[in-house]
Amino acid sequence: MEFCPKCGKLLHPEKKKNSETVLMCHKCGFKRDLGEDEEVTFTEEVEHNLVKEMTTVFDEKQVDSTKPTKEMYCPKCKKNQKISFWMIQTRSADESPTRFFRCTECGETWREYD
């Protein structure tokens, strides 16, 4: 493992057209030819499918049944009924959390900021 003398990033082995190998920095473009006595091992790059690897932490329908409710006006149904609510810290820590509301009747979801 070798690092770029210009920017400090990791040097990656690259094969030239004439089948020689160089170490190359992907950030600044620095190249260093390898000597005959130096040996480089190429590793296979692994692609990750992040959507496939994501794990479901909770089932949203199941969580809605455990949220607190209160009587409130729904802007979509236009009537007072049970509304479930929860709070999430969507901005920086020194600001108040955002309150989310969901109508238990029609499923309309909206948020309220302080």
C-alpha atoms as a PDB file:
ATOM      1  CA  MET A   1       0.000   0.000   0.000  1.00  0.00           C
ATOM      2  CA  GLU A   2       1.426   3.322  -1.048  1.00  0.00           C
ATOM      3  CA  PHE A   3       0.188   6.882  -0.753  1.00  0.00           C
ATOM      4  CA  CYS A   4       0.447   9.861  -3.125  1.00  0.00           C
ATOM      5  CA  PRO A   5       3.321  12.223  -2.227  1.00  0.00           C
ATOM      6  CA  LYS A   6       1.293  15.222  -3.544  1.00  0.00           C
ATOM      7  CA  CYS A   7      -2.130  14.829  -1.899  1.00  0.00           C
ATOM      8  CA  GLY A   8      -1.784  11.832   0.445  1.00  0.00           C
ATOM      9  CA  LYS A   9      -4.495   9.679  -1.175  1.00  0.00           C
ATOM     10  CA  LEU A  10      -4.081   5.956  -1.788  1.00  0.00           C
ATOM     11  CA  LEU A  11      -2.291   5.002  -5.032  1.00  0.00           C
ATOM     12  CA  HIS A  12      -4.116   2.427  -7.153  1.00  0.00           C
ATOM     13  CA  PRO A  13      -2.429   0.031  -9.585  1.00  0.00           C
ATOM     14  CA  GLU A  14      -3.387   0.641 -13.233  1.00  0.00           C
ATOM     15  CA  LYS A  15      -2.285  -1.313 -16.304  1.00  0.00           C
ATOM     16  CA  LYS A  16      -0.949   0.675 -19.254  1.00  0.00           C
ATOM     17  CA  LYS A  17      -1.628  -0.266 -22.880  1.00  0.00           C
ATOM     18  CA  ASN A  18       1.815  -1.859 -23.163  1.00  0.00           C
ATOM     19  CA  SER A  19       0.938  -4.115 -20.172  1.00  0.00           C
ATOM     20  CA  GLU A  20       3.192  -2.203 -17.773  1.00  0.00           C
ATOM     21  CA  THR A  21       1.751  -1.311 -14.392  1.00  0.00           C
ATOM     22  CA  VAL A  22       1.790   2.115 -12.754  1.00  0.00           C
ATOM     23  CA  LEU A  23       0.534   3.359  -9.429  1.00  0.00           C
ATOM     24  CA  MET A  24      -1.933   6.211  -9.977  1.00  0.00           C
ATOM     25  CA  CYS A  25      -3.663   8.712  -7.731  1.00  0.00           C
ATOM     26  CA  HIS A  26      -7.346   9.100  -8.677  1.00  0.00           C
ATOM     27  CA  LYS A  27      -7.524  12.540  -7.051  1.00  0.00           C
ATOM     28  CA  CYS A  28      -4.585  14.531  -8.426  1.00  0.00           C
ATOM     29  CA  GLY A  29      -3.422  12.282 -11.294  1.00  0.00           C
ATOM     30  CA  PHE A  30       0.068  11.551  -9.930  1.00  0.00           C
ATOM     31  CA  LYS A  31       1.634   8.464 -11.577  1.00  0.00           C
ATOM     32  CA  ARG A  32       4.592   6.358 -10.540  1.00  0.00           C
ATOM     33  CA  ASP A  33       6.027   3.587 -12.696  1.00  0.00           C
ATOM     34  CA  LEU A  34       6.706   0.336 -10.906  1.00  0.00           C
ATOM     35  CA  GLY A  35      10.180  -1.096 -10.935  1.00  0.00           C
ATOM     36  CA  GLU A  36      10.859  -4.605 -12.212  1.00  0.00           C
ATOM     37  CA  ASP A  37      11.349  -5.981  -8.708  1.00  0.00           C
ATOM     38  CA  GLU A  38       8.070  -4.480  -7.391  1.00  0.00           C
ATOM     39  CA  GLU A  39       5.009  -6.678  -7.401  1.00  0.00           C
ATOM     40  CA  VAL A  40       1.392  -5.505  -7.350  1.00  0.00           C
ATOM     41  CA  THR A  41      -1.667  -7.574  -6.609  1.00  0.00           C
ATOM     42  CA  PHE A  42      -4.875  -6.514  -8.331  1.00  0.00           C
ATOM     43  CA  THR A  43      -7.990  -7.005  -6.268  1.00  0.00           C
ATOM     44  CA  GLU A  44     -11.448  -7.442  -7.654  1.00  0.00           C
ATOM     45  CA  GLU A  45     -13.703  -4.451  -7.060  1.00  0.00           C
ATOM     46  CA  VAL A  46     -16.966  -5.371  -5.425  1.00  0.00           C
ATOM     47  CA  GLU A  47     -20.103  -3.484  -6.390  1.00  0.00           C
ATOM     48  CA  HIS A  48     -22.682  -3.032  -3.682  1.00  0.00           C
ATOM     49  CA  ASN A  49     -26.393  -2.912  -4.303  1.00  0.00           C
ATOM     50  CA  LEU A  50     -27.339  -0.617  -1.415  1.00  0.00           C
ATOM     51  CA  VAL A  51     -31.083  -1.033  -1.906  1.00  0.00           C
ATOM     52  CA  LYS A  52     -30.741  -4.813  -1.695  1.00  0.00           C
ATOM     53  CA  GLU A  53     -28.458  -4.576   1.343  1.00  0.00           C
ATOM     54  CA  MET A  54     -30.685  -2.196   3.290  1.00  0.00           C
ATOM     55  CA  THR A  55     -32.494  -3.770   6.193  1.00  0.00           C
ATOM     56  CA  THR A  56     -36.038  -2.892   7.138  1.00  0.00           C
ATOM     57  CA  VAL A  57     -35.872  -1.615  10.691  1.00  0.00           C
ATOM     58  CA  PHE A  58     -39.618  -1.419  11.220  1.00  0.00           C
ATOM     59  CA  ASP A  59     -42.849  -1.984   9.384  1.00  0.00           C
ATOM     60  CA  GLU A  60     -44.517   1.424   9.051  1.00  0.00           C
ATOM     61  CA  LYS A  61     -48.052  -0.006   9.354  1.00  0.00           C
ATOM     62  CA  GLN A  62     -47.135  -1.813  12.555  1.00  0.00           C
ATOM     63  CA  VAL A  63     -45.513   1.299  14.050  1.00  0.00           C
ATOM     64  CA  ASP A  64     -48.584   3.458  13.302  1.00  0.00           C
ATOM     65  CA  SER A  65     -50.663   1.292  15.632  1.00  0.00           C
ATOM     66  CA  THR A  66     -48.321   2.038  18.543  1.00  0.00           C
ATOM     67  CA  LYS A  67     -48.024   5.807  18.057  1.00  0.00           C
ATOM     68  CA  PRO A  68     -49.892   8.141  20.401  1.00  0.00           C
ATOM     69  CA  THR A  69     -53.104   9.668  19.059  1.00  0.00           C
ATOM     70  CA  LYS A  70     -55.068  12.812  19.788  1.00  0.00           C
ATOM     71  CA  GLU A  71     -58.211  14.501  18.524  1.00  0.00           C
ATOM     72  CA  MET A  72     -57.244  16.964  15.812  1.00  0.00           C
ATOM     73  CA  TYR A  73     -58.513  18.552  12.582  1.00  0.00           C
ATOM     74  CA  CYS A  74     -57.413  16.734   9.389  1.00  0.00           C
ATOM     75  CA  PRO A  75     -56.861  19.120   6.447  1.00  0.00           C
ATOM     76  CA  LYS A  76     -57.860  16.449   3.905  1.00  0.00           C
ATOM     77  CA  CYS A  77     -60.959  14.939   5.617  1.00  0.00           C
ATOM     78  CA  LYS A  78     -62.022  18.365   6.905  1.00  0.00           C
ATOM     79  CA  LYS A  79     -63.191  17.010  10.246  1.00  0.00           C
ATOM     80  CA  ASN A  80     -61.983  16.418  13.777  1.00  0.00           C
ATOM     81  CA  GLN A  81     -60.828  12.853  14.360  1.00  0.00           C
ATOM     82  CA  LYS A  82     -57.997  10.727  15.716  1.00  0.00           C
ATOM     83  CA  ILE A  83     -54.566  11.749  14.449  1.00  0.00           C
ATOM     84  CA  SER A  84     -51.366   9.801  15.231  1.00  0.00           C
ATOM     85  CA  PHE A  85     -48.211  11.836  15.715  1.00  0.00           C
ATOM     86  CA  TRP A  86     -44.437  11.458  16.159  1.00  0.00           C
ATOM     87  CA  MET A  87     -41.366  13.706  16.289  1.00  0.00           C
ATOM     88  CA  ILE A  88     -38.071  13.457  14.373  1.00  0.00           C
ATOM     89  CA  GLN A  89     -34.948  15.618  14.638  1.00  0.00           C
ATOM     90  CA  THR A  90     -34.713  16.696  10.960  1.00  0.00           C
ATOM     91  CA  ARG A  91     -32.526  19.769  11.436  1.00  0.00           C
ATOM     92  CA  SER A  92     -29.500  20.534  13.589  1.00  0.00           C
ATOM     93  CA  ALA A  93     -29.515  19.462  17.234  1.00  0.00           C
ATOM     94  CA  ASP A  94     -29.922  22.996  18.585  1.00  0.00           C
ATOM     95  CA  GLU A  95     -33.306  23.388  16.816  1.00  0.00           C
ATOM     96  CA  SER A  96     -36.579  21.859  17.897  1.00  0.00           C
ATOM     97  CA  PRO A  97     -37.692  18.559  16.320  1.00  0.00           C
ATOM     98  CA  THR A  98     -40.264  18.378  13.520  1.00  0.00           C
ATOM     99  CA  ARG A  99     -43.693  17.001  14.459  1.00  0.00           C
ATOM    100  CA  PHE A 100     -45.383  14.703  11.968  1.00  0.00           C
ATOM    101  CA  PHE A 101     -49.123  13.962  11.976  1.00  0.00           C
ATOM    102  CA  ARG A 102     -51.052  11.209  10.179  1.00  0.00           C
ATOM    103  CA  CYS A 103     -54.817  10.936   9.947  1.00  0.00           C
ATOM    104  CA  THR A 104     -55.970   7.499  11.104  1.00  0.00           C
ATOM    105  CA  GLU A 105     -58.976   7.718   8.756  1.00  0.00           C
ATOM    106  CA  CYS A 106     -57.594   8.837   5.355  1.00  0.00           C
ATOM    107  CA  GLY A 107     -53.818   8.405   5.867  1.00  0.00           C
ATOM    108  CA  GLU A 108     -52.956  12.039   5.053  1.00  0.00           C
ATOM    109  CA  THR A 109     -49.561  12.970   6.533  1.00  0.00           C
ATOM    110  CA  TRP A 110     -48.307  16.478   7.249  1.00  0.00           C
ATOM    111  CA  ARG A 111     -45.663  18.141   9.416  1.00  0.00           C
ATOM    112  CA  GLU A 112     -45.417  21.067  11.770  1.00  0.00           C
ATOM    113  CA  TYR A 113     -42.316  23.119  12.558  1.00  0.00           C
ATOM    114  CA  ASP A 114     -41.791  25.243  15.660  1.00  0.00           C
END
